[in-house]
Structure formats: structure tokens, C-alpha cells
PDB file of N, CA and C in Angstrom:
ATOM      1  N   MET A   1       7.201 -21.347   1.528  1.00  0.00           N
ATOM      2  CA  MET A   1       5.789 -21.563   1.269  1.00  0.00           C
ATOM      3  C   MET A   1       5.383 -22.932   1.804  1.00  0.00           C
ATOM      4  N   GLN A   2       4.240 -22.960   2.480  1.00  0.00           N
ATOM      5  CA  GLN A   2       3.769 -24.205   3.068  1.00  0.00           C
ATOM      6  C   GLN A   2       3.072 -25.049   2.008  1.00  0.00           C
ATOM      7  N   PRO A   3       3.177 -26.375   2.115  1.00  0.00           N
ATOM      8  CA  PRO A   3       2.453 -27.222   1.175  1.00  0.00           C
ATOM      9  C   PRO A   3       0.963 -27.100   1.406  1.00  0.00           C
ATOM     10  N   PRO A   4       0.152 -27.363   0.364  1.00  0.00           N
ATOM     11  CA  PRO A   4      -1.291 -27.251   0.536  1.00  0.00           C
ATOM     12  C   PRO A   4      -1.812 -28.249   1.557  1.00  0.00           C
ATOM     13  N   VAL A   5      -2.876 -27.893   2.224  1.00  0.00           N
ATOM     14  CA  VAL A   5      -3.499 -28.764   3.209  1.00  0.00           C
ATOM     15  C   VAL A   5      -4.351 -29.776   2.469  1.00  0.00           C
ATOM     16  N   SER A   6      -4.240 -31.031   2.838  1.00  0.00           N
ATOM     17  CA  SER A   6      -5.003 -32.065   2.146  1.00  0.00           C
ATOM     18  C   SER A   6      -6.488 -31.919   2.417  1.00  0.00           C
ATOM     19  N   SER A   7      -7.297 -32.391   1.479  1.00  0.00           N
ATOM     20  CA  SER A   7      -8.745 -32.239   1.613  1.00  0.00           C
ATOM     21  C   SER A   7      -9.313 -33.096   2.729  1.00  0.00           C
ATOM     22  N   ASP A   8      -8.593 -34.141   3.150  1.00  0.00           N
ATOM     23  CA  ASP A   8      -9.102 -34.965   4.242  1.00  0.00           C
ATOM     24  C   ASP A   8      -8.834 -34.337   5.603  1.00  0.00           C
ATOM     25  N   ASN A   9      -8.014 -33.288   5.653  1.00  0.00           N
ATOM     26  CA  ASN A   9      -7.747 -32.576   6.896  1.00  0.00           C
ATOM     27  C   ASN A   9      -7.617 -31.085   6.593  1.00  0.00           C
ATOM     28  N   PRO A  10      -8.734 -30.425   6.241  1.00  0.00           N
ATOM     29  CA  PRO A  10      -8.657 -29.012   5.841  1.00  0.00           C
ATOM     30  C   PRO A  10      -8.280 -28.106   7.005  1.00  0.00           C
ATOM     31  N   LEU A  11      -7.669 -26.988   6.676  1.00  0.00           N
ATOM     32  CA  LEU A  11      -7.302 -25.977   7.664  1.00  0.00           C
ATOM     33  C   LEU A  11      -8.546 -25.180   8.017  1.00  0.00           C
ATOM     34  N   LEU A  12      -8.937 -25.199   9.277  1.00  0.00           N
ATOM     35  CA  LEU A  12     -10.128 -24.482   9.728  1.00  0.00           C
ATOM     36  C   LEU A  12      -9.756 -23.430  10.758  1.00  0.00           C
ATOM     37  N   PHE A  13     -10.504 -22.352  10.751  1.00  0.00           N
ATOM     38  CA  PHE A  13     -10.320 -21.280  11.709  1.00  0.00           C
ATOM     39  C   PHE A  13     -11.586 -21.134  12.536  1.00  0.00           C
ATOM     40  N   GLN A  14     -11.419 -20.739  13.778  1.00  0.00           N
ATOM     41  CA  GLN A  14     -12.539 -20.332  14.622  1.00  0.00           C
ATOM     42  C   GLN A  14     -12.398 -18.831  14.809  1.00  0.00           C
ATOM     43  N   ILE A  15     -13.475 -18.108  14.488  1.00  0.00           N
ATOM     44  CA  ILE A  15     -13.481 -16.659  14.639  1.00  0.00           C
ATOM     45  C   ILE A  15     -14.512 -16.323  15.706  1.00  0.00           C
ATOM     46  N   PHE A  16     -14.087 -15.588  16.713  1.00  0.00           N
ATOM     47  CA  PHE A  16     -14.949 -15.192  17.821  1.00  0.00           C
ATOM     48  C   PHE A  16     -15.209 -13.698  17.712  1.00  0.00           C
ATOM     49  N   PHE A  17     -16.480 -13.330  17.569  1.00  0.00           N
ATOM     50  CA  PHE A  17     -16.880 -11.926  17.545  1.00  0.00           C
ATOM     51  C   PHE A  17     -17.472 -11.603  18.911  1.00  0.00           C
ATOM     52  N   LEU A  18     -16.850 -10.691  19.646  1.00  0.00           N
ATOM     53  CA  LEU A  18     -17.278 -10.345  21.001  1.00  0.00           C
ATOM     54  C   LEU A  18     -17.853  -8.937  21.012  1.00  0.00           C
ATOM     55  N   THR A  19     -19.100  -8.824  21.476  1.00  0.00           N
ATOM     56  CA  THR A  19     -19.709  -7.500  21.577  1.00  0.00           C
ATOM     57  C   THR A  19     -19.396  -6.895  22.944  1.00  0.00           C
ATOM     58  N   HIS A  20     -19.354  -5.583  22.987  1.00  0.00           N
ATOM     59  CA  HIS A  20     -19.046  -4.885  24.234  1.00  0.00           C
ATOM     60  C   HIS A  20     -20.286  -4.178  24.758  1.00  0.00           C
ATOM     61  N   ASP A  21     -21.379  -4.930  24.882  1.00  0.00           N
ATOM     62  CA  ASP A  21     -22.599  -4.385  25.440  1.00  0.00           C
ATOM     63  C   ASP A  21     -22.893  -5.106  26.757  1.00  0.00           C
ATOM     64  N   GLN A  22     -24.057  -4.866  27.331  1.00  0.00           N
ATOM     65  CA  GLN A  22     -24.381  -5.483  28.624  1.00  0.00           C
ATOM     66  C   GLN A  22     -24.428  -6.999  28.552  1.00  0.00           C
ATOM     67  N   SER A  23     -24.864  -7.548  27.429  1.00  0.00           N
ATOM     68  CA  SER A  23     -24.993  -9.006  27.322  1.00  0.00           C
ATOM     69  C   SER A  23     -23.646  -9.695  27.098  1.00  0.00           C
ATOM     70  N   GLN A  24     -22.636  -8.939  26.630  1.00  0.00           N
ATOM     71  CA  GLN A  24     -21.309  -9.502  26.346  1.00  0.00           C
ATOM     72  C   GLN A  24     -21.424 -10.768  25.491  1.00  0.00           C
ATOM     73  N   SER A  25     -22.261 -10.727  24.465  1.00  0.00           N
ATOM     74  CA  SER A  25     -22.494 -11.903  23.638  1.00  0.00           C
ATOM     75  C   SER A  25     -21.285 -12.220  22.761  1.00  0.00           C
ATOM     76  N   VAL A  26     -21.173 -13.490  22.393  1.00  0.00           N
ATOM     77  CA  VAL A  26     -20.081 -13.988  21.571  1.00  0.00           C
ATOM     78  C   VAL A  26     -20.673 -14.798  20.427  1.00  0.00           C
ATOM     79  N   GLU A  27     -20.246 -14.495  19.211  1.00  0.00           N
ATOM     80  CA  GLU A  27     -20.630 -15.276  18.040  1.00  0.00           C
ATOM     81  C   GLU A  27     -19.382 -16.026  17.587  1.00  0.00           C
ATOM     82  N   VAL A  28     -19.506 -17.348  17.394  1.00  0.00           N
ATOM     83  CA  VAL A  28     -18.375 -18.164  16.967  1.00  0.00           C
ATOM     84  C   VAL A  28     -18.667 -18.682  15.568  1.00  0.00           C
ATOM     85  N   VAL A  29     -17.699 -18.477  14.664  1.00  0.00           N
ATOM     86  CA  VAL A  29     -17.826 -18.933  13.286  1.00  0.00           C
ATOM     87  C   VAL A  29     -16.645 -19.847  12.986  1.00  0.00           C
ATOM     88  N   GLU A  30     -16.923 -21.016  12.408  1.00  0.00           N
ATOM     89  CA  GLU A  30     -15.858 -21.910  11.944  1.00  0.00           C
ATOM     90  C   GLU A  30     -15.831 -21.847  10.429  1.00  0.00           C
ATOM     91  N   THR A  31     -14.647 -21.609   9.862  1.00  0.00           N
ATOM     92  CA  THR A  31     -14.531 -21.422   8.424  1.00  0.00           C
ATOM     93  C   THR A  31     -13.156 -21.844   7.935  1.00  0.00           C
ATOM     94  N   ASP A  32     -13.053 -22.122   6.640  1.00  0.00           N
ATOM     95  CA  ASP A  32     -11.756 -22.442   6.058  1.00  0.00           C
ATOM     96  C   ASP A  32     -11.137 -21.218   5.379  1.00  0.00           C
ATOM     97  N   GLU A  33     -11.881 -20.114   5.318  1.00  0.00           N
ATOM     98  CA  GLU A  33     -11.385 -18.856   4.769  1.00  0.00           C
ATOM     99  C   GLU A  33     -11.755 -17.711   5.700  1.00  0.00           C
ATOM    100  N   ILE A  34     -10.860 -16.756   5.846  1.00  0.00           N
ATOM    101  CA  ILE A  34     -11.121 -15.599   6.699  1.00  0.00           C
ATOM    102  C   ILE A  34     -11.578 -14.449   5.823  1.00  0.00           C
ATOM    103  N   ASP A  35     -12.760 -13.925   6.099  1.00  0.00           N
ATOM    104  CA  ASP A  35     -13.308 -12.783   5.383  1.00  0.00           C
ATOM    105  C   ASP A  35     -12.918 -11.521   6.150  1.00  0.00           C
ATOM    106  N   PHE A  36     -11.837 -10.878   5.722  1.00  0.00           N
ATOM    107  CA  PHE A  36     -11.341  -9.718   6.446  1.00  0.00           C
ATOM    108  C   PHE A  36     -12.288  -8.524   6.336  1.00  0.00           C
ATOM    109  N   GLY A  37     -13.106  -8.471   5.286  1.00  0.00           N
ATOM    110  CA  GLY A  37     -14.122  -7.429   5.187  1.00  0.00           C
ATOM    111  C   GLY A  37     -15.119  -7.539   6.327  1.00  0.00           C
ATOM    112  N   GLU A  38     -15.533  -8.777   6.634  1.00  0.00           N
ATOM    113  CA  GLU A  38     -16.467  -9.000   7.744  1.00  0.00           C
ATOM    114  C   GLU A  38     -15.815  -8.661   9.078  1.00  0.00           C
ATOM    115  N   ILE A  39     -14.547  -9.007   9.222  1.00  0.00           N
ATOM    116  CA  ILE A  39     -13.827  -8.707  10.460  1.00  0.00           C
ATOM    117  C   ILE A  39     -13.737  -7.198  10.664  1.00  0.00           C
ATOM    118  N   ILE A  40     -13.399  -6.471   9.617  1.00  0.00           N
ATOM    119  CA  ILE A  40     -13.311  -5.011   9.707  1.00  0.00           C
ATOM    120  C   ILE A  40     -14.676  -4.417  10.044  1.00  0.00           C
ATOM    121  N   GLN A  41     -15.727  -4.984   9.465  1.00  0.00           N
ATOM    122  CA  GLN A  41     -17.076  -4.507   9.758  1.00  0.00           C
ATOM    123  C   GLN A  41     -17.394  -4.669  11.252  1.00  0.00           C
ATOM    124  N   HIS A  42     -17.048  -5.810  11.835  1.00  0.00           N
ATOM    125  CA  HIS A  42     -17.287  -6.030  13.264  1.00  0.00           C
ATOM    126  C   HIS A  42     -16.436  -5.088  14.117  1.00  0.00           C
ATOM    127  N   LEU A  43     -15.194  -4.861  13.707  1.00  0.00           N
ATOM    128  CA  LEU A  43     -14.333  -3.936  14.445  1.00  0.00           C
ATOM    129  C   LEU A  43     -14.880  -2.518  14.402  1.00  0.00           C
ATOM    130  N   ASN A  44     -15.409  -2.120  13.243  1.00  0.00           N
ATOM    131  CA  ASN A  44     -15.987  -0.772  13.114  1.00  0.00           C
ATOM    132  C   ASN A  44     -17.233  -0.605  13.973  1.00  0.00           C
ATOM    133  N   MET A  45     -17.883  -1.713  14.337  1.00  0.00           N
ATOM    134  CA  MET A  45     -19.050  -1.657  15.220  1.00  0.00           C
ATOM    135  C   MET A  45     -18.630  -1.680  16.685  1.00  0.00           C
ATOM    136  N   GLY A  46     -17.309  -1.675  16.952  1.00  0.00           N
ATOM    137  CA  GLY A  46     -16.822  -1.638  18.322  1.00  0.00           C
ATOM    138  C   GLY A  46     -16.640  -3.001  18.958  1.00  0.00           C
ATOM    139  N   GLU A  47     -16.703  -4.060  18.178  1.00  0.00           N
ATOM    140  CA  GLU A  47     -16.531  -5.406  18.717  1.00  0.00           C
ATOM    141  C   GLU A  47     -15.055  -5.795  18.732  1.00  0.00           C
ATOM    142  N   SER A  48     -14.741  -6.847  19.468  1.00  0.00           N
ATOM    143  CA  SER A  48     -13.416  -7.448  19.447  1.00  0.00           C
ATOM    144  C   SER A  48     -13.503  -8.751  18.666  1.00  0.00           C
ATOM    145  N   VAL A  49     -12.383  -9.137  18.065  1.00  0.00           N
ATOM    146  CA  VAL A  49     -12.357 -10.347  17.247  1.00  0.00           C
ATOM    147  C   VAL A  49     -11.146 -11.184  17.635  1.00  0.00           C
ATOM    148  N   PHE A  50     -11.385 -12.475  17.912  1.00  0.00           N
ATOM    149  CA  PHE A  50     -10.311 -13.440  18.139  1.00  0.00           C
ATOM    150  C   PHE A  50     -10.335 -14.432  16.992  1.00  0.00           C
ATOM    151  N   ILE A  51      -9.161 -14.796  16.490  1.00  0.00           N
ATOM    152  CA  ILE A  51      -9.072 -15.803  15.438  1.00  0.00           C
ATOM    153  C   ILE A  51      -8.065 -16.843  15.893  1.00  0.00           C
ATOM    154  N   GLN A  52      -8.458 -18.117  15.798  1.00  0.00           N
ATOM    155  CA  GLN A  52      -7.521 -19.185  16.137  1.00  0.00           C
ATOM    156  C   GLN A  52      -7.700 -20.332  15.153  1.00  0.00           C
ATOM    157  N   HIS A  53      -6.667 -21.140  15.030  1.00  0.00           N
ATOM    158  CA  HIS A  53      -6.741 -22.329  14.189  1.00  0.00           C
ATOM    159  C   HIS A  53      -7.514 -23.399  14.927  1.00  0.00           C
ATOM    160  N   LYS A  54      -8.434 -24.032  14.241  1.00  0.00           N
ATOM    161  CA  LYS A  54      -9.220 -25.080  14.875  1.00  0.00           C
ATOM    162  C   LYS A  54      -8.427 -26.371  14.969  1.00  0.00           C
ATOM    163  N   ASN A  55      -7.689 -26.706  13.942  1.00  0.00           N
ATOM    164  CA  ASN A  55      -6.953 -27.965  13.919  1.00  0.00           C
ATOM    165  C   ASN A  55      -5.450 -27.714  14.043  1.00  0.00           C
ATOM    166  N   GLN A  56      -5.007 -27.554  15.265  1.00  0.00           N
ATOM    167  CA  GLN A  56      -3.604 -27.267  15.569  1.00  0.00           C
ATOM    168  C   GLN A  56      -2.657 -28.347  15.064  1.00  0.00           C
ATOM    169  N   GLU A  57      -3.088 -29.612  15.081  1.00  0.00           N
ATOM    170  CA  GLU A  57      -2.182 -30.691  14.684  1.00  0.00           C
ATOM    171  C   GLU A  57      -1.737 -30.542  13.239  1.00  0.00           C
ATOM    172  N   THR A  58      -2.584 -30.001  12.371  1.00  0.00           N
ATOM    173  CA  THR A  58      -2.205 -29.764  10.978  1.00  0.00           C
ATOM    174  C   THR A  58      -1.124 -28.710  10.908  1.00  0.00           C
ATOM    175  N   LEU A  59      -1.262 -27.667  11.682  1.00  0.00           N
ATOM    176  CA  LEU A  59      -0.282 -26.588  11.655  1.00  0.00           C
ATOM    177  C   LEU A  59       1.050 -27.009  12.251  1.00  0.00           C
ATOM    178  N   GLU A  60       1.024 -27.801  13.299  1.00  0.00           N
ATOM    179  CA  GLU A  60       2.266 -28.202  13.954  1.00  0.00           C
ATOM    180  C   GLU A  60       3.169 -28.957  13.004  1.00  0.00           C
ATOM    181  N   SER A  61       2.609 -29.752  12.125  1.00  0.00           N
ATOM    182  CA  SER A  61       3.423 -30.538  11.212  1.00  0.00           C
ATOM    183  C   SER A  61       3.905 -29.717  10.023  1.00  0.00           C
ATOM    184  N   ARG A  62       3.312 -28.548   9.782  1.00  0.00           N
ATOM    185  CA  ARG A  62       3.637 -27.775   8.585  1.00  0.00           C
ATOM    186  C   ARG A  62       4.267 -26.423   8.868  1.00  0.00           C
ATOM    187  N   SER A  63       4.168 -25.945  10.073  1.00  0.00           N
ATOM    188  CA  SER A  63       4.619 -24.598  10.379  1.00  0.00           C
ATOM    189  C   SER A  63       6.068 -24.587  10.817  1.00  0.00           C
ATOM    190  N   ARG A  64       6.752 -23.472  10.510  1.00  0.00           N
ATOM    191  CA  ARG A  64       8.131 -23.290  10.960  1.00  0.00           C
ATOM    192  C   ARG A  64       8.205 -22.418  12.198  1.00  0.00           C
ATOM    193  N   LYS A  65       7.064 -21.930  12.665  1.00  0.00           N
ATOM    194  CA  LYS A  65       7.031 -21.066  13.839  1.00  0.00           C
ATOM    195  C   LYS A  65       7.225 -21.899  15.100  1.00  0.00           C
ATOM    196  N   THR A  66       7.536 -21.227  16.166  1.00  0.00           N
ATOM    197  CA  THR A  66       7.690 -21.924  17.434  1.00  0.00           C
ATOM    198  C   THR A  66       6.342 -22.409  17.935  1.00  0.00           C
ATOM    199  N   LYS A  67       6.371 -23.424  18.750  1.00  0.00           N
ATOM    200  CA  LYS A  67       5.145 -23.992  19.293  1.00  0.00           C
ATOM    201  C   LYS A  67       4.359 -22.947  20.081  1.00  0.00           C
ATOM    202  N   GLU A  68       5.033 -22.074  20.796  1.00  0.00           N
ATOM    203  CA  GLU A  68       4.362 -21.042  21.583  1.00  0.00           C
ATOM    204  C   GLU A  68       3.589 -20.083  20.678  1.00  0.00           C
ATOM    205  N   ALA A  69       4.162 -19.692  19.567  1.00  0.00           N
ATOM    206  CA  ALA A  69       3.503 -18.758  18.649  1.00  0.00           C
ATOM    207  C   ALA A  69       2.288 -19.387  17.990  1.00  0.00           C
ATOM    208  N   GLU A  70       2.320 -20.698  17.741  1.00  0.00           N
ATOM    209  CA  GLU A  70       1.195 -21.379  17.102  1.00  0.00           C
ATOM    210  C   GLU A  70      -0.036 -21.397  17.982  1.00  0.00           C
ATOM    211  N   GLN A  71       0.129 -21.424  19.276  1.00  0.00           N
ATOM    212  CA  GLN A  71      -0.991 -21.596  20.179  1.00  0.00           C
ATOM    213  C   GLN A  71      -1.637 -20.283  20.600  1.00  0.00           C
ATOM    214  N   LYS A  72      -1.091 -19.171  20.206  1.00  0.00           N
ATOM    215  CA  LYS A  72      -1.669 -17.881  20.560  1.00  0.00           C
ATOM    216  C   LYS A  72      -2.681 -17.469  19.499  1.00  0.00           C
ATOM    217  N   PRO A  73      -3.917 -17.181  19.911  1.00  0.00           N
ATOM    218  CA  PRO A  73      -4.906 -16.720  18.916  1.00  0.00           C
ATOM    219  C   PRO A  73      -4.594 -15.293  18.496  1.00  0.00           C
ATOM    220  N   TRP A  74      -5.089 -14.932  17.328  1.00  0.00           N
ATOM    221  CA  TRP A  74      -4.970 -13.551  16.871  1.00  0.00           C
ATOM    222  C   TRP A  74      -6.066 -12.756  17.524  1.00  0.00           C
ATOM    223  N   TYR A  75      -5.770 -11.541  17.924  1.00  0.00           N
ATOM    224  CA  TYR A  75      -6.766 -10.713  18.619  1.00  0.00           C
ATOM    225  C   TYR A  75      -6.768  -9.321  18.008  1.00  0.00           C
ATOM    226  N   PHE A  76      -7.944  -8.868  17.641  1.00  0.00           N
ATOM    227  CA  PHE A  76      -8.103  -7.520  17.121  1.00  0.00           C
ATOM    228  C   PHE A  76      -9.124  -6.816  17.992  1.00  0.00           C
ATOM    229  N   ASN A  77      -8.869  -5.557  18.289  1.00  0.00           N
ATOM    230  CA  ASN A  77      -9.782  -4.793  19.131  1.00  0.00           C
ATOM    231  C   ASN A  77      -9.954  -3.418  18.535  1.00  0.00           C
ATOM    232  N   HIS A  78     -11.187  -2.975  18.443  1.00  0.00           N
ATOM    233  CA  HIS A  78     -11.461  -1.636  17.937  1.00  0.00           C
ATOM    234  C   HIS A  78     -11.228  -0.647  19.065  1.00  0.00           C
ATOM    235  N   CYS A  79     -10.292   0.262  18.879  1.00  0.00           N
ATOM    236  CA  CYS A  79      -9.979   1.245  19.922  1.00  0.00           C
ATOM    237  C   CYS A  79     -10.481   2.614  19.556  1.00  0.00           C
TER     238      CYS A  79
END
């Protein structure tokens, strides 16, 4: 289990919602909590979702994963 993130350096995520229409618009949300209900809602509408950590330096000092795995964003696509 990872130690809690200090309040002076909170863990933030960037969530990218990508639409698959002619405009190919992208909505970017920065948050400290991931609302998976909202993500599922966007996927059900046919959008793609990317999630990445905003503050990598916090994760590097606390994570046991390899450096390569830390830098890859999460990607979900409605198929």
C-alpha cells in the first residue's frame, strides 16, 4: 500500500474525453478523483477516454512500477 499523498502535493489526474465526430473535439478535465461512472457514460456515447497522472514526480517517488509503465496513460475505447 502506498503512503498517502501530502496535501501540499496532491495526486492529480488529467482525463481526456475524445469524441469521434467530424470536429474530433477533446474535453480535458483535471481532478484528484476519477469518476468511473462519468467515464463509462462517455464510453457508452462512443467516445474514447485517456487518463494520465498530472504530477509524475509524486508517483515516481512512491510507485513500485517500472518507469516505463508510469509514463503510459490509461486508454479506454468504446468498441
